[in-house]
């Protein structure tokens, strides 16, 4: 399982580059451009998947509250970018989110749902601002709907990874925990790798 996660993280990091992260809205449409932005950028994919895994680890109200906070604050950050409100250090903050969220999962940190929501919300402002800063010729509403849909899908995939780990190791809960924590560690390591790239 750890080897498979390592390979997956390596492929994501190696395959993503700024030139691959965007579709031309004139050719593919604004929704597709928005949908592709988080899906083809390793930093966004890793952060959004690990938010789902962390929400699963915390359980309870965090299962829904943490991913919703990420999406809601991401839309707010998108609005900031469209309104010309600058945020400092957008790209470094996005990379820091990959490392920090990965470490939260690796350490299986359990916080109250509201605190977890604040943590992911703070990071997601920067993700949303990056989406807005790279909107190009896309229509804001369709583009925004696209990246919101992609983000929600990635959160669901992260939650699903937690469910899958529990089902695969239903008789050995420690292995399920280790798989999720391992995924967090690999995410943090990939974040460090992206920082150095």
Protein backbone atom coordinates (compact mmCIF):
# COMPACT_ATOMS: atom_id res chain seq x y z
CA UNK A 1 0.00 0.00 0.00
CA UNK A 2 2.79 2.43 0.93
CA UNK A 3 4.64 1.62 -2.31
CA UNK A 4 1.49 2.31 -4.33
CA UNK A 5 0.94 5.64 -2.53
CA UNK A 6 4.60 6.59 -3.08
CA UNK A 7 4.36 5.82 -6.77
CA UNK A 8 1.11 7.77 -7.09
CA UNK A 9 2.57 10.82 -5.36
CA UNK A 10 5.70 10.67 -7.52
CA UNK A 11 3.63 10.47 -10.70
CA UNK A 12 1.49 13.44 -9.64
CA UNK A 13 4.51 15.60 -8.85
CA UNK A 14 6.38 14.61 -12.02
CA UNK A 15 3.42 15.07 -14.35
CA UNK A 16 2.27 18.49 -13.19
CA UNK A 17 3.77 21.64 -14.53
CA UNK A 18 2.45 25.17 -14.97
CA UNK A 19 1.97 24.58 -18.69
CA UNK A 20 -0.26 21.56 -18.01
CA UNK A 21 -2.34 23.20 -15.34
CA UNK A 22 -4.66 25.20 -17.57
CA UNK A 23 -6.99 24.72 -20.50
CA UNK A 24 -7.69 27.57 -22.88
CA UNK A 25 -11.29 28.69 -22.17
CA UNK A 26 -11.70 29.82 -25.79
CA UNK A 27 -11.07 26.25 -26.97
CA UNK A 28 -12.54 24.19 -24.13
CA UNK A 29 -15.04 26.50 -22.43
CA UNK A 30 -14.91 28.32 -19.11
CA UNK A 31 -16.29 25.44 -17.03
CA UNK A 32 -13.69 23.01 -18.41
CA UNK A 33 -10.92 25.55 -17.78
CA UNK A 34 -12.06 25.91 -14.17
CA UNK A 35 -12.42 22.16 -13.75
CA UNK A 36 -8.93 21.53 -15.08
CA UNK A 37 -7.16 24.13 -12.97
CA UNK A 38 -7.15 22.18 -9.69
CA UNK A 39 -7.18 18.76 -11.36
CA UNK A 40 -3.96 19.28 -13.33
CA UNK A 41 -1.91 21.06 -10.68
CA UNK A 42 -0.15 18.71 -8.24
CA UNK A 43 -0.20 21.32 -5.46
CA UNK A 44 -3.98 21.70 -5.66
CA UNK A 45 -4.66 17.97 -6.10
CA UNK A 46 -2.54 16.96 -3.12
CA UNK A 47 -3.95 19.62 -0.80
CA UNK A 48 -7.55 18.88 -1.71
CA UNK A 49 -7.21 15.10 -1.43
CA UNK A 50 -5.53 15.36 1.95
CA UNK A 51 -8.29 17.67 3.23
CA UNK A 52 -10.71 14.82 2.58
CA UNK A 53 -8.46 12.30 4.32
CA UNK A 54 -8.00 14.61 7.32
CA UNK A 55 -11.77 15.18 7.56
CA UNK A 56 -12.23 11.41 7.57
CA UNK A 57 -9.62 11.00 10.31
CA UNK A 58 -11.37 13.56 12.50
CA UNK A 59 -14.85 12.18 11.80
CA UNK A 60 -18.09 13.63 13.16
CA UNK A 61 -18.97 17.12 11.99
CA UNK A 62 -15.55 17.48 10.37
CA UNK A 63 -16.58 15.00 7.66
CA UNK A 64 -18.72 17.68 6.05
CA UNK A 65 -17.63 20.88 7.79
CA UNK A 66 -13.94 20.78 6.91
CA UNK A 67 -14.37 20.21 3.14
CA UNK A 68 -17.19 22.79 3.02
CA UNK A 69 -15.00 25.34 4.78
CA UNK A 70 -12.26 24.73 2.21
CA UNK A 71 -14.67 25.24 -0.70
CA UNK A 72 -16.35 28.28 0.87
CA UNK A 73 -13.11 30.10 1.68
CA UNK A 74 -11.70 29.16 -1.72
CA UNK A 75 -14.64 30.93 -3.36
CA UNK A 76 -13.93 33.94 -1.11
CA UNK A 77 -10.29 33.95 -2.25
CA UNK A 78 -11.47 33.74 -5.86
CA UNK A 79 -13.66 36.79 -5.24
CA UNK A 80 -10.69 38.66 -3.75
CA UNK A 81 -8.65 38.01 -6.89
CA UNK A 82 -11.47 39.11 -9.19
CA UNK A 83 -11.93 42.27 -7.10
CA UNK A 84 -8.25 43.12 -7.26
CA UNK A 85 -7.63 42.42 -3.56
CA UNK A 86 -4.05 41.15 -3.32
CA UNK A 87 -2.94 38.39 -0.99
CA UNK A 88 0.77 38.11 -0.19
CA UNK A 89 2.80 34.99 -0.98
CA UNK A 90 0.02 33.11 -2.80
CA UNK A 91 2.17 30.37 -4.35
CA UNK A 92 4.33 29.80 -1.23
CA UNK A 93 1.15 29.61 0.88
CA UNK A 94 -0.33 27.00 -1.47
CA UNK A 95 2.82 24.88 -1.24
CA UNK A 96 2.86 25.37 2.54
CA UNK A 97 -0.72 24.08 2.62
CA UNK A 98 0.36 20.83 0.96
CA UNK A 99 3.09 20.32 3.55
CA UNK A 100 1.05 21.43 6.57
CA UNK A 101 -2.09 19.48 5.68
CA UNK A 102 0.01 16.43 4.86
CA UNK A 103 1.68 16.67 8.27
CA UNK A 104 -1.69 17.01 10.02
CA UNK A 105 -2.77 13.74 8.39
CA UNK A 106 0.61 12.07 9.00
CA UNK A 107 0.37 12.92 12.69
CA UNK A 108 -3.38 12.11 12.79
CA UNK A 109 -4.07 15.45 14.49
CA UNK A 110 -7.65 15.59 15.73
CA UNK A 111 -9.04 19.06 16.26
CA UNK A 112 -12.58 20.25 16.90
CA UNK A 113 -14.42 20.54 13.57
CA UNK A 114 -14.59 24.34 13.81
CA UNK A 115 -10.84 24.64 14.36
CA UNK A 116 -10.14 22.24 11.49
CA UNK A 117 -12.44 24.33 9.31
CA UNK A 118 -10.51 27.50 10.19
CA UNK A 119 -7.19 25.81 9.38
CA UNK A 120 -8.25 24.60 5.94
CA UNK A 121 -10.19 27.80 5.28
CA UNK A 122 -7.08 29.91 5.81
CA UNK A 123 -5.13 27.85 3.30
CA UNK A 124 -7.96 27.66 0.78
CA UNK A 125 -8.13 31.44 0.48
CA UNK A 126 -4.80 31.23 -1.33
CA UNK A 127 -5.95 28.37 -3.56
CA UNK A 128 -9.00 30.40 -4.56
CA UNK A 129 -6.94 33.51 -5.15
CA UNK A 130 -4.66 31.55 -7.48
CA UNK A 131 -7.68 30.32 -9.43
CA UNK A 132 -8.94 33.88 -9.78
CA UNK A 133 -5.54 35.24 -10.71
CA UNK A 134 -5.31 32.82 -13.62
CA UNK A 135 -8.84 33.11 -14.97
CA UNK A 136 -7.67 34.57 -18.28
CA UNK A 137 -10.55 34.98 -20.74
CA UNK A 138 -12.89 32.61 -18.90
CA UNK A 139 -16.34 33.63 -17.69
CA UNK A 140 -16.14 33.98 -13.90
CA UNK A 141 -19.31 32.08 -12.99
CA UNK A 142 -18.68 29.05 -15.23
CA UNK A 143 -14.97 28.97 -14.38
CA UNK A 144 -15.77 29.20 -10.66
CA UNK A 145 -18.35 26.41 -10.94
CA UNK A 146 -15.70 24.27 -12.63
CA UNK A 147 -13.06 24.61 -9.95
CA UNK A 148 -15.64 24.23 -7.17
CA UNK A 149 -16.80 20.96 -8.77
CA UNK A 150 -13.21 19.74 -9.14
CA UNK A 151 -12.41 20.63 -5.54
CA UNK A 152 -15.51 18.86 -4.24
CA UNK A 153 -14.61 15.76 -6.26
CA UNK A 154 -11.09 15.76 -4.86
CA UNK A 155 -12.41 16.11 -1.29
CA UNK A 156 -14.81 13.21 -1.90
CA UNK A 157 -11.90 11.17 -3.29
CA UNK A 158 -9.93 11.89 -0.11
CA UNK A 159 -12.88 10.85 2.06
CA UNK A 160 -13.24 7.77 -0.13
CA UNK A 161 -9.58 6.91 0.41
CA UNK A 162 -10.23 6.90 4.14
CA UNK A 163 -13.27 4.65 3.72
CA UNK A 164 -11.30 2.35 1.43
CA UNK A 165 -8.41 2.09 3.89
CA UNK A 166 -10.84 1.13 6.67
CA UNK A 167 -12.56 -1.47 4.49
CA UNK A 168 -9.32 -2.98 3.18
CA UNK A 169 -7.96 -3.31 6.69
CA UNK A 170 -11.26 -3.85 8.52
CA UNK A 171 -9.75 -6.45 10.82
CA UNK A 172 -6.56 -4.47 11.39
CA UNK A 173 -7.46 -0.92 12.26
CA UNK A 174 -3.80 -0.07 12.88
CA UNK A 175 -3.03 -0.75 9.22
CA UNK A 176 -5.85 1.54 8.07
CA UNK A 177 -4.50 4.27 10.33
CA UNK A 178 -0.97 3.66 9.05
CA UNK A 179 -2.12 3.84 5.42
CA UNK A 180 -3.81 7.22 5.97
CA UNK A 181 -0.89 8.55 7.97
CA UNK A 182 1.48 7.29 5.28
CA UNK A 183 -0.54 9.14 2.64
CA UNK A 184 -0.19 12.29 4.73
CA UNK A 185 3.56 11.83 5.04
CA UNK A 186 3.90 11.29 1.31
CA UNK A 187 1.81 14.40 0.66
CA UNK A 188 4.04 16.48 2.93
CA UNK A 189 7.15 15.07 1.23
CA UNK A 190 5.67 15.86 -2.19
CA UNK A 191 4.95 19.41 -0.98
CA UNK A 192 8.59 19.82 0.02
CA UNK A 193 9.56 18.47 -3.40
CA UNK A 194 7.36 21.02 -5.13
CA UNK A 195 8.95 23.78 -3.06
CA UNK A 196 12.37 22.74 -4.31
CA UNK A 197 11.31 22.27 -7.95
